[in-house]
Amino acid sequence: MSSDQIHFIRTELDRCANMREQKQRINQLRKFKTCHYVPVYKGNHIYPDSDDQFYISKQPLGAEKHQSFLGILEDELWFSCSLTEKEALALESQLDCHFESIRQYAMVLADDLAHIALYSRGLDLWQRRKKYCSVCGTENHLESSGHKMVCENGHEQFPRIEPAVIVLVTKGDQCLLGRKHSWPPNVYSTLAGFVEAGESIEDSVHREIYEESNVRIKDVTYFGSQPWPFPSSLMLAFNAEAVSDDIRLDDEMEDVRWFSKEELLKWSKDGSIILSPRFTVANNLISNFLGQRI
């Protein structure tokens, strides 16, 4: 399983970043180009029961100031529309269905739509969490077609991501997986953690694995990356080889253990353990180790 099969990254969407400050040009294009408007509420979308995509409107939704230009796909313009609670409830009533998380629908969405869903989710969550300036506390307003916040004192803020490393450690025919206290029963995944201030990505890989398992590693190799706006992460995936195999848990982990390929295949099939969903890069790492998609 190669890194090009990572979910949410395959798309033909052109984000047209150079157009974000060109409001007049975008409005001119609206007049003769097909436009798609994606309603978003607290990072969620509406998925009609009879459809395999989220609800998309041909007409603008909500206030114009809350519409964000996403880009152009197949010569058609895409926008996300951040709705207020009142607007969201009205749309739910109109469509007779509710806003839901992409987690439940990720695998049925076509590549471009999956990417747009994650893109609009991340932008919407950032906008909702940055209503006030972090420098002076005054209210922000959106500029740059939804990609910049500016307060009354001119302080600018842009969407930020939090890089996190996610690592599959192997030793011969075994790989290292763990579970946190807060996870549902029997769920196991690769070890992961956030990159800290002043730390290189490579240093973060070594530190996180040692902190969570006491295992030392070598031969760290980059596998791929995945946008992960839950709420604002970017997952940086790696493979590594263990130098030691003596496990000691930190307070964050409930269990960390070595699994052989045979055990993973058998136990995941009979439900003894539950591995990361197929739309996660953790699943890509494990599937790559096993040589088949699980």
C-alpha atoms as a PDB file:
ATOM      1  CA  MET A   1       0.000   0.000   0.000  1.00  0.00           C
ATOM      2  CA  SER A   2       1.758   3.162  -1.182  1.00  0.00           C
ATOM      3  CA  SER A   3       1.500   6.693   0.154  1.00  0.00           C
ATOM      4  CA  ASP A   4      -0.393   7.865  -2.946  1.00  0.00           C
ATOM      5  CA  GLN A   5      -3.426   6.004  -1.591  1.00  0.00           C
ATOM      6  CA  ILE A   6      -3.693   8.301   1.440  1.00  0.00           C
ATOM      7  CA  HIS A   7      -7.247   9.580   1.685  1.00  0.00           C
ATOM      8  CA  PHE A   8      -8.241  13.261   1.249  1.00  0.00           C
ATOM      9  CA  ILE A   9      -5.130  14.244  -0.740  1.00  0.00           C
ATOM     10  CA  ARG A  10      -6.154  13.250  -4.279  1.00  0.00           C
ATOM     11  CA  THR A  11      -7.893  16.137  -6.040  1.00  0.00           C
ATOM     12  CA  GLU A  12      -7.853  18.235  -9.197  1.00  0.00           C
ATOM     13  CA  LEU A  13      -9.094  21.307  -7.313  1.00  0.00           C
ATOM     14  CA  ASP A  14      -7.055  24.431  -8.055  1.00  0.00           C
ATOM     15  CA  ARG A  15      -7.150  26.585  -4.920  1.00  0.00           C
ATOM     16  CA  CYS A  16      -6.371  29.700  -6.995  1.00  0.00           C
ATOM     17  CA  ALA A  17      -4.658  31.396  -4.061  1.00  0.00           C
ATOM     18  CA  ASN A  18      -3.693  34.300  -6.313  1.00  0.00           C
ATOM     19  CA  MET A  19      -7.394  35.137  -6.763  1.00  0.00           C
ATOM     20  CA  ARG A  20      -8.342  35.415  -3.098  1.00  0.00           C
ATOM     21  CA  GLU A  21      -7.675  39.164  -2.972  1.00  0.00           C
ATOM     22  CA  GLN A  22      -9.452  39.717  -6.295  1.00  0.00           C
ATOM     23  CA  LYS A  23     -13.038  39.968  -5.085  1.00  0.00           C
ATOM     24  CA  GLN A  24     -14.219  41.779  -8.198  1.00  0.00           C
ATOM     25  CA  ARG A  25     -12.788  39.093 -10.477  1.00  0.00           C
ATOM     26  CA  ILE A  26     -14.409  36.312  -8.455  1.00  0.00           C
ATOM     27  CA  ASN A  27     -17.781  38.101  -8.571  1.00  0.00           C
ATOM     28  CA  GLN A  28     -17.434  38.503 -12.352  1.00  0.00           C
ATOM     29  CA  LEU A  29     -16.731  34.792 -12.736  1.00  0.00           C
ATOM     30  CA  ARG A  30     -19.810  33.975 -10.657  1.00  0.00           C
ATOM     31  CA  LYS A  31     -21.976  35.533 -13.366  1.00  0.00           C
ATOM     32  CA  PHE A  32     -21.088  33.095 -16.131  1.00  0.00           C
ATOM     33  CA  LYS A  33     -19.431  30.123 -14.416  1.00  0.00           C
ATOM     34  CA  THR A  34     -21.196  27.278 -12.640  1.00  0.00           C
ATOM     35  CA  CYS A  35     -20.839  27.771  -8.875  1.00  0.00           C
ATOM     36  CA  HIS A  36     -21.172  25.280  -6.035  1.00  0.00           C
ATOM     37  CA  TYR A  37     -21.896  26.383  -2.458  1.00  0.00           C
ATOM     38  CA  VAL A  38     -21.105  23.972   0.384  1.00  0.00           C
ATOM     39  CA  PRO A  39     -22.935  24.695   3.668  1.00  0.00           C
ATOM     40  CA  VAL A  40     -20.790  24.023   6.743  1.00  0.00           C
ATOM     41  CA  TYR A  41     -21.797  24.217  10.399  1.00  0.00           C
ATOM     42  CA  LYS A  42     -19.183  23.652  13.107  1.00  0.00           C
ATOM     43  CA  GLY A  43     -17.083  21.724  10.609  1.00  0.00           C
ATOM     44  CA  ASN A  44     -19.917  19.400   9.601  1.00  0.00           C
ATOM     45  CA  HIS A  45     -21.874  18.916   6.385  1.00  0.00           C
ATOM     46  CA  ILE A  46     -25.297  17.595   5.447  1.00  0.00           C
ATOM     47  CA  TYR A  47     -25.371  14.115   3.890  1.00  0.00           C
ATOM     48  CA  PRO A  48     -28.808  13.296   2.396  1.00  0.00           C
ATOM     49  CA  ASP A  49     -29.801   9.720   3.157  1.00  0.00           C
ATOM     50  CA  SER A  50     -30.248   8.794  -0.499  1.00  0.00           C
ATOM     51  CA  ASP A  51     -26.972  10.289  -1.706  1.00  0.00           C
ATOM     52  CA  ASP A  52     -23.266   9.500  -1.587  1.00  0.00           C
ATOM     53  CA  GLN A  53     -22.181  13.119  -1.252  1.00  0.00           C
ATOM     54  CA  PHE A  54     -22.784  16.079   1.005  1.00  0.00           C
ATOM     55  CA  TYR A  55     -25.413  18.665   0.156  1.00  0.00           C
ATOM     56  CA  ILE A  56     -24.272  21.222  -2.414  1.00  0.00           C
ATOM     57  CA  SER A  57     -26.324  24.272  -3.360  1.00  0.00           C
ATOM     58  CA  LYS A  58     -26.319  26.088  -6.699  1.00  0.00           C
ATOM     59  CA  GLN A  59     -27.189  29.289  -4.864  1.00  0.00           C
ATOM     60  CA  PRO A  60     -25.253  31.154  -2.117  1.00  0.00           C
ATOM     61  CA  LEU A  61     -26.226  30.259   1.442  1.00  0.00           C
ATOM     62  CA  GLY A  62     -25.955  32.396   4.566  1.00  0.00           C
ATOM     63  CA  ALA A  63     -24.391  35.840   4.762  1.00  0.00           C
ATOM     64  CA  GLU A  64     -22.020  36.856   1.956  1.00  0.00           C
ATOM     65  CA  LYS A  65     -19.370  37.789   4.509  1.00  0.00           C
ATOM     66  CA  HIS A  66     -19.274  34.140   5.645  1.00  0.00           C
ATOM     67  CA  GLN A  67     -18.689  32.713   2.159  1.00  0.00           C
ATOM     68  CA  SER A  68     -15.169  31.482   1.411  1.00  0.00           C
ATOM     69  CA  PHE A  69     -13.703  30.854  -2.034  1.00  0.00           C
ATOM     70  CA  LEU A  70     -12.238  27.335  -2.192  1.00  0.00           C
ATOM     71  CA  GLY A  71     -11.033  27.279  -5.786  1.00  0.00           C
ATOM     72  CA  ILE A  72     -11.869  25.992  -9.251  1.00  0.00           C
ATOM     73  CA  LEU A  73     -12.539  22.396 -10.255  1.00  0.00           C
ATOM     74  CA  GLU A  74     -13.297  21.470 -13.880  1.00  0.00           C
ATOM     75  CA  ASP A  75     -13.851  25.155 -14.709  1.00  0.00           C
ATOM     76  CA  GLU A  76     -16.456  25.499 -11.938  1.00  0.00           C
ATOM     77  CA  LEU A  77     -16.154  27.645  -8.811  1.00  0.00           C
ATOM     78  CA  TRP A  78     -16.466  26.205  -5.311  1.00  0.00           C
ATOM     79  CA  PHE A  79     -17.352  28.091  -2.137  1.00  0.00           C
ATOM     80  CA  SER A  80     -17.900  27.082   1.487  1.00  0.00           C
ATOM     81  CA  CYS A  81     -20.654  28.822   3.425  1.00  0.00           C
ATOM     82  CA  SER A  82     -20.268  28.985   7.216  1.00  0.00           C
ATOM     83  CA  LEU A  83     -23.780  29.005   8.643  1.00  0.00           C
ATOM     84  CA  THR A  84     -25.060  30.399  11.904  1.00  0.00           C
ATOM     85  CA  GLU A  85     -27.057  28.128  14.206  1.00  0.00           C
ATOM     86  CA  LYS A  86     -30.309  29.650  12.965  1.00  0.00           C
ATOM     87  CA  GLU A  87     -29.329  29.164   9.327  1.00  0.00           C
ATOM     88  CA  ALA A  88     -28.166  25.601   9.986  1.00  0.00           C
ATOM     89  CA  LEU A  89     -31.407  24.641  11.732  1.00  0.00           C
ATOM     90  CA  ALA A  90     -33.451  26.132   8.883  1.00  0.00           C
ATOM     91  CA  LEU A  91     -31.504  24.129   6.288  1.00  0.00           C
ATOM     92  CA  GLU A  92     -31.843  20.938   8.324  1.00  0.00           C
ATOM     93  CA  SER A  93     -35.587  21.482   8.465  1.00  0.00           C
ATOM     94  CA  GLN A  94     -35.745  22.170   4.736  1.00  0.00           C
ATOM     95  CA  LEU A  95     -33.764  19.053   3.803  1.00  0.00           C
ATOM     96  CA  ASP A  96     -35.095  16.874   6.640  1.00  0.00           C
ATOM     97  CA  CYS A  97     -31.606  15.733   7.674  1.00  0.00           C
ATOM     98  CA  HIS A  98     -28.859  16.905   9.997  1.00  0.00           C
ATOM     99  CA  PHE A  99     -25.310  18.179   9.815  1.00  0.00           C
ATOM    100  CA  GLU A 100     -22.922  15.278  10.468  1.00  0.00           C
ATOM    101  CA  SER A 101     -19.198  14.564  10.663  1.00  0.00           C
ATOM    102  CA  ILE A 102     -17.239  13.543   7.588  1.00  0.00           C
ATOM    103  CA  ARG A 103     -15.867  10.620   9.628  1.00  0.00           C
ATOM    104  CA  GLN A 104     -19.046   8.674   8.882  1.00  0.00           C
ATOM    105  CA  TYR A 105     -18.988   9.298   5.131  1.00  0.00           C
ATOM    106  CA  ALA A 106     -15.318   9.631   4.181  1.00  0.00           C
ATOM    107  CA  MET A 107     -15.098   6.319   2.327  1.00  0.00           C
ATOM    108  CA  VAL A 108     -18.145   6.897   0.094  1.00  0.00           C
ATOM    109  CA  LEU A 109     -17.093  10.334  -1.124  1.00  0.00           C
ATOM    110  CA  ALA A 110     -15.302  10.695  -4.453  1.00  0.00           C
ATOM    111  CA  ASP A 111     -11.734  11.982  -4.107  1.00  0.00           C
ATOM    112  CA  ASP A 112     -12.459  15.588  -5.077  1.00  0.00           C
ATOM    113  CA  LEU A 113     -15.497  15.811  -2.805  1.00  0.00           C
ATOM    114  CA  ALA A 114     -13.634  14.238   0.113  1.00  0.00           C
ATOM    115  CA  HIS A 115     -10.894  16.829  -0.300  1.00  0.00           C
ATOM    116  CA  ILE A 116     -13.401  19.695  -0.521  1.00  0.00           C
ATOM    117  CA  ALA A 117     -15.215  18.432   2.565  1.00  0.00           C
ATOM    118  CA  LEU A 118     -12.020  18.382   4.621  1.00  0.00           C
ATOM    119  CA  TYR A 119     -10.881  21.735   3.186  1.00  0.00           C
ATOM    120  CA  SER A 120     -14.164  23.474   3.997  1.00  0.00           C
ATOM    121  CA  ARG A 121     -14.254  21.854   7.443  1.00  0.00           C
ATOM    122  CA  GLY A 122     -10.813  23.159   8.359  1.00  0.00           C
ATOM    123  CA  LEU A 123     -11.552  26.662   7.105  1.00  0.00           C
ATOM    124  CA  ASP A 124     -14.903  26.792   8.896  1.00  0.00           C
ATOM    125  CA  LEU A 125     -13.487  25.643  12.244  1.00  0.00           C
ATOM    126  CA  TRP A 126     -10.636  28.167  12.023  1.00  0.00           C
ATOM    127  CA  GLN A 127     -13.043  31.006  11.280  1.00  0.00           C
ATOM    128  CA  ARG A 128     -15.316  30.104  14.203  1.00  0.00           C
ATOM    129  CA  ARG A 129     -12.424  29.836  16.669  1.00  0.00           C
ATOM    130  CA  LYS A 130     -10.796  33.133  15.665  1.00  0.00           C
ATOM    131  CA  LYS A 131     -13.620  35.608  16.121  1.00  0.00           C
ATOM    132  CA  TYR A 132     -11.362  37.852  18.189  1.00  0.00           C
ATOM    133  CA  CYS A 133      -7.836  39.068  17.640  1.00  0.00           C
ATOM    134  CA  SER A 134      -5.231  37.180  19.669  1.00  0.00           C
ATOM    135  CA  VAL A 135      -3.108  40.354  19.893  1.00  0.00           C
ATOM    136  CA  CYS A 136      -5.555  43.043  21.035  1.00  0.00           C
ATOM    137  CA  GLY A 137      -8.850  41.206  21.646  1.00  0.00           C
ATOM    138  CA  THR A 138     -10.933  43.242  19.191  1.00  0.00           C
ATOM    139  CA  GLU A 139     -13.354  41.534  16.814  1.00  0.00           C
ATOM    140  CA  ASN A 140     -12.003  40.037  13.608  1.00  0.00           C
ATOM    141  CA  HIS A 141     -13.559  40.201  10.167  1.00  0.00           C
ATOM    142  CA  LEU A 142     -12.866  37.979   7.169  1.00  0.00           C
ATOM    143  CA  GLU A 143     -10.839  39.091   4.193  1.00  0.00           C
ATOM    144  CA  SER A 144      -9.009  37.385   1.324  1.00  0.00           C
ATOM    145  CA  SER A 145     -12.109  35.394   0.363  1.00  0.00           C
ATOM    146  CA  GLY A 146     -12.271  33.769   3.798  1.00  0.00           C
ATOM    147  CA  HIS A 147      -8.552  32.996   4.164  1.00  0.00           C
ATOM    148  CA  LYS A 148      -7.487  35.890   6.390  1.00  0.00           C
ATOM    149  CA  MET A 149      -8.758  37.475   9.599  1.00  0.00           C
ATOM    150  CA  VAL A 150      -8.156  41.183  10.252  1.00  0.00           C
ATOM    151  CA  CYS A 151      -9.125  43.125  13.371  1.00  0.00           C
ATOM    152  CA  GLU A 152      -9.962  46.842  13.648  1.00  0.00           C
ATOM    153  CA  ASN A 153      -6.324  47.552  14.566  1.00  0.00           C
ATOM    154  CA  GLY A 154      -5.024  45.860  11.446  1.00  0.00           C
ATOM    155  CA  HIS A 155      -3.613  42.704  13.024  1.00  0.00           C
ATOM    156  CA  GLU A 156      -3.745  39.848  10.532  1.00  0.00           C
ATOM    157  CA  GLN A 157      -4.247  36.151  11.205  1.00  0.00           C
ATOM    158  CA  PHE A 158      -4.109  33.262   8.766  1.00  0.00           C
ATOM    159  CA  PRO A 159      -5.230  29.632   9.073  1.00  0.00           C
ATOM    160  CA  ARG A 160      -2.725  27.694  11.157  1.00  0.00           C
ATOM    161  CA  ILE A 161      -2.074  23.985  11.304  1.00  0.00           C
ATOM    162  CA  GLU A 162      -0.584  21.890  14.098  1.00  0.00           C
ATOM    163  CA  PRO A 163       1.930  19.365  12.731  1.00  0.00           C
ATOM    164  CA  ALA A 164       1.765  15.921  14.296  1.00  0.00           C
ATOM    165  CA  VAL A 165       3.953  12.884  13.660  1.00  0.00           C
ATOM    166  CA  ILE A 166       2.443   9.435  13.327  1.00  0.00           C
ATOM    167  CA  VAL A 167       4.813   6.479  13.237  1.00  0.00           C
ATOM    168  CA  LEU A 168       4.710   2.762  12.539  1.00  0.00           C
ATOM    169  CA  VAL A 169       7.620   1.146  14.381  1.00  0.00           C
ATOM    170  CA  THR A 170       8.625  -2.336  13.234  1.00  0.00           C
ATOM    171  CA  LYS A 171      10.977  -5.017  14.480  1.00  0.00           C
ATOM    172  CA  GLY A 172      11.231  -7.955  12.122  1.00  0.00           C
ATOM    173  CA  ASP A 173       7.756  -9.415  11.607  1.00  0.00           C
ATOM    174  CA  GLN A 174       6.200  -7.260  14.349  1.00  0.00           C
ATOM    175  CA  CYS A 175       4.903  -3.714  14.582  1.00  0.00           C
ATOM    176  CA  LEU A 176       4.250  -1.492  17.594  1.00  0.00           C
ATOM    177  CA  LEU A 177       0.676  -0.330  18.233  1.00  0.00           C
ATOM    178  CA  GLY A 178      -0.978   1.261  21.233  1.00  0.00           C
ATOM    179  CA  ARG A 179      -4.221   2.573  22.653  1.00  0.00           C
ATOM    180  CA  LYS A 180      -5.097   5.578  24.806  1.00  0.00           C
ATOM    181  CA  HIS A 181      -7.301   5.460  27.901  1.00  0.00           C
ATOM    182  CA  SER A 182     -10.031   7.484  26.180  1.00  0.00           C
ATOM    183  CA  TRP A 183     -10.387   5.218  23.145  1.00  0.00           C
ATOM    184  CA  PRO A 184     -13.229   2.710  22.685  1.00  0.00           C
ATOM    185  CA  PRO A 185     -12.462  -0.878  23.773  1.00  0.00           C
ATOM    186  CA  ASN A 186     -10.037  -2.918  21.652  1.00  0.00           C
ATOM    187  CA  VAL A 187      -9.036  -0.018  19.374  1.00  0.00           C
ATOM    188  CA  TYR A 188      -5.316   0.083  18.509  1.00  0.00           C
ATOM    189  CA  SER A 189      -3.343   2.385  16.259  1.00  0.00           C
ATOM    190  CA  THR A 190       0.120   3.672  15.447  1.00  0.00           C
ATOM    191  CA  LEU A 191       1.817   5.941  17.969  1.00  0.00           C
ATOM    192  CA  ALA A 192       1.509   9.682  17.350  1.00  0.00           C
ATOM    193  CA  GLY A 193       2.012  13.079  18.907  1.00  0.00           C
ATOM    194  CA  PHE A 194       2.406  16.774  18.200  1.00  0.00           C
ATOM    195  CA  VAL A 195       5.635  18.457  17.173  1.00  0.00           C
ATOM    196  CA  GLU A 196       6.761  20.799  19.959  1.00  0.00           C
ATOM    197  CA  ALA A 197       8.079  24.354  19.685  1.00  0.00           C
ATOM    198  CA  GLY A 198      11.732  24.514  18.652  1.00  0.00           C
ATOM    199  CA  GLU A 199      11.754  20.835  17.682  1.00  0.00           C
ATOM    200  CA  SER A 200      12.541  19.269  14.326  1.00  0.00           C
ATOM    201  CA  ILE A 201      10.145  16.710  12.900  1.00  0.00           C
ATOM    202  CA  GLU A 202      12.819  14.015  13.162  1.00  0.00           C
ATOM    203  CA  ASP A 203      13.435  14.805  16.824  1.00  0.00           C
ATOM    204  CA  SER A 204       9.703  14.697  17.453  1.00  0.00           C
ATOM    205  CA  VAL A 205       9.471  11.179  15.986  1.00  0.00           C
ATOM    206  CA  HIS A 206      12.167   9.868  18.313  1.00  0.00           C
ATOM    207  CA  ARG A 207      10.794  11.693  21.369  1.00  0.00           C
ATOM    208  CA  GLU A 208       7.160  10.652  20.913  1.00  0.00           C
ATOM    209  CA  ILE A 209       7.970   6.977  20.425  1.00  0.00           C
ATOM    210  CA  TYR A 210      10.245   6.917  23.454  1.00  0.00           C
ATOM    211  CA  GLU A 211       7.783   8.838  25.659  1.00  0.00           C
ATOM    212  CA  GLU A 212       4.831   6.603  24.826  1.00  0.00           C
ATOM    213  CA  SER A 213       6.573   3.228  24.710  1.00  0.00           C
ATOM    214  CA  ASN A 214      10.187   3.456  25.993  1.00  0.00           C
ATOM    215  CA  VAL A 215      11.300   2.064  22.615  1.00  0.00           C
ATOM    216  CA  ARG A 216      14.321   3.546  20.869  1.00  0.00           C
ATOM    217  CA  ILE A 217      14.239   3.702  17.065  1.00  0.00           C
ATOM    218  CA  LYS A 218      16.458   4.155  13.995  1.00  0.00           C
ATOM    219  CA  ASP A 219      16.118   4.443  10.203  1.00  0.00           C
ATOM    220  CA  VAL A 220      13.205   6.891  10.269  1.00  0.00           C
ATOM    221  CA  THR A 221      11.757   7.246   6.761  1.00  0.00           C
ATOM    222  CA  TYR A 222       9.013   9.579   5.562  1.00  0.00           C
ATOM    223  CA  PHE A 223       5.849   7.861   4.295  1.00  0.00           C
ATOM    224  CA  GLY A 224       3.428  10.688   3.467  1.00  0.00           C
ATOM    225  CA  SER A 225       1.150  13.354   4.914  1.00  0.00           C
ATOM    226  CA  GLN A 226      -2.570  13.801   5.449  1.00  0.00           C
ATOM    227  CA  PRO A 227      -4.598  16.928   6.235  1.00  0.00           C
ATOM    228  CA  TRP A 228      -6.464  16.317   9.471  1.00  0.00           C
ATOM    229  CA  PRO A 229      -8.654  19.257  10.576  1.00  0.00           C
ATOM    230  CA  PHE A 230      -9.927  17.639  13.783  1.00  0.00           C
ATOM    231  CA  PRO A 231      -9.645  20.498  14.425  1.00  0.00           C
ATOM    232  CA  SER A 232      -6.413  21.727  12.785  1.00  0.00           C
ATOM    233  CA  SER A 233      -3.730  19.071  12.420  1.00  0.00           C
ATOM    234  CA  LEU A 234      -1.461  17.896   9.624  1.00  0.00           C
ATOM    235  CA  MET A 235      -0.402  14.285  10.033  1.00  0.00           C
ATOM    236  CA  LEU A 236       3.195  13.541   9.004  1.00  0.00           C
ATOM    237  CA  ALA A 237       3.581   9.784   8.649  1.00  0.00           C
ATOM    238  CA  PHE A 238       6.803   7.814   9.103  1.00  0.00           C
ATOM    239  CA  ASN A 239       8.145   4.292   9.271  1.00  0.00           C
ATOM    240  CA  ALA A 240      10.908   3.442  11.735  1.00  0.00           C
ATOM    241  CA  GLU A 241      12.835   0.408  12.937  1.00  0.00           C
ATOM    242  CA  ALA A 242      13.088  -0.443  16.621  1.00  0.00           C
ATOM    243  CA  VAL A 243      16.464  -0.625  18.318  1.00  0.00           C
ATOM    244  CA  SER A 244      14.973  -1.894  21.589  1.00  0.00           C
ATOM    245  CA  ASP A 245      11.728  -3.700  22.338  1.00  0.00           C
ATOM    246  CA  ASP A 246      11.253  -3.301  26.099  1.00  0.00           C
ATOM    247  CA  ILE A 247       7.959  -1.432  26.530  1.00  0.00           C
ATOM    248  CA  ARG A 248       7.172   0.935  29.384  1.00  0.00           C
ATOM    249  CA  LEU A 249       3.957   2.982  29.355  1.00  0.00           C
ATOM    250  CA  ASP A 250       3.543   6.661  30.122  1.00  0.00           C
ATOM    251  CA  ASP A 251       0.385   8.105  31.689  1.00  0.00           C
ATOM    252  CA  GLU A 252      -1.171   8.844  28.290  1.00  0.00           C
ATOM    253  CA  MET A 253      -1.257   5.246  27.070  1.00  0.00           C
ATOM    254  CA  GLU A 254      -3.405   2.418  28.390  1.00  0.00           C
ATOM    255  CA  ASP A 255      -1.556  -0.235  26.411  1.00  0.00           C
ATOM    256  CA  VAL A 256       1.304  -0.538  23.917  1.00  0.00           C
ATOM    257  CA  ARG A 257       2.322  -3.880  22.508  1.00  0.00           C
ATOM    258  CA  TRP A 258       4.033  -5.703  19.661  1.00  0.00           C
ATOM    259  CA  PHE A 259       1.786  -7.387  17.085  1.00  0.00           C
ATOM    260  CA  SER A 260       2.938  -9.904  14.498  1.00  0.00           C
ATOM    261  CA  LYS A 261       1.509  -9.754  10.981  1.00  0.00           C
ATOM    262  CA  GLU A 262      -0.333 -13.022  11.596  1.00  0.00           C
ATOM    263  CA  GLU A 263      -1.901 -11.696  14.797  1.00  0.00           C
ATOM    264  CA  LEU A 264      -2.992  -8.427  13.192  1.00  0.00           C
ATOM    265  CA  LEU A 265      -4.647 -10.164  10.258  1.00  0.00           C
ATOM    266  CA  LYS A 266      -6.369 -12.778  12.433  1.00  0.00           C
ATOM    267  CA  TRP A 267      -7.500 -10.539  15.279  1.00  0.00           C
ATOM    268  CA  SER A 268      -8.654  -7.652  13.104  1.00  0.00           C
ATOM    269  CA  LYS A 269     -10.713 -10.080  11.051  1.00  0.00           C
ATOM    270  CA  ASP A 270     -12.405 -11.709  14.049  1.00  0.00           C
ATOM    271  CA  GLY A 271     -12.934  -8.396  15.854  1.00  0.00           C
ATOM    272  CA  SER A 272     -10.556  -9.036  18.759  1.00  0.00           C
ATOM    273  CA  ILE A 273      -8.882  -5.750  17.922  1.00  0.00           C
ATOM    274  CA  ILE A 274     -10.143  -2.742  15.968  1.00  0.00           C
ATOM    275  CA  LEU A 275      -7.625  -0.873  13.839  1.00  0.00           C
ATOM    276  CA  SER A 276      -7.744   2.699  12.552  1.00  0.00           C
ATOM    277  CA  PRO A 277     -10.425   3.396   9.895  1.00  0.00           C
ATOM    278  CA  ARG A 278      -9.471   3.090   6.238  1.00  0.00           C
ATOM    279  CA  PHE A 279      -9.586   6.843   5.641  1.00  0.00           C
ATOM    280  CA  THR A 280      -6.743   7.472   8.118  1.00  0.00           C
ATOM    281  CA  VAL A 281      -3.042   7.552   7.319  1.00  0.00           C
ATOM    282  CA  ALA A 282      -2.550   5.222  10.300  1.00  0.00           C
ATOM    283  CA  ASN A 283      -4.443   2.587   8.329  1.00  0.00           C
ATOM    284  CA  ASN A 284      -2.184   3.239   5.330  1.00  0.00           C
ATOM    285  CA  LEU A 285       0.889   2.629   7.467  1.00  0.00           C
ATOM    286  CA  ILE A 286      -0.455  -0.620   8.918  1.00  0.00           C
ATOM    287  CA  SER A 287      -1.736  -1.845   5.534  1.00  0.00           C
ATOM    288  CA  ASN A 288       1.644  -1.101   3.974  1.00  0.00           C
ATOM    289  CA  PHE A 289       3.310  -3.181   6.692  1.00  0.00           C
ATOM    290  CA  LEU A 290       0.917  -6.084   6.107  1.00  0.00           C
ATOM    291  CA  GLY A 291       1.083  -5.863   2.324  1.00  0.00           C
ATOM    292  CA  GLN A 292      -2.699  -5.688   2.006  1.00  0.00           C
ATOM    293  CA  ARG A 293      -5.518  -3.262   2.813  1.00  0.00           C
ATOM    294  CA  ILE A 294      -7.284  -3.989   6.068  1.00  0.00           C
END
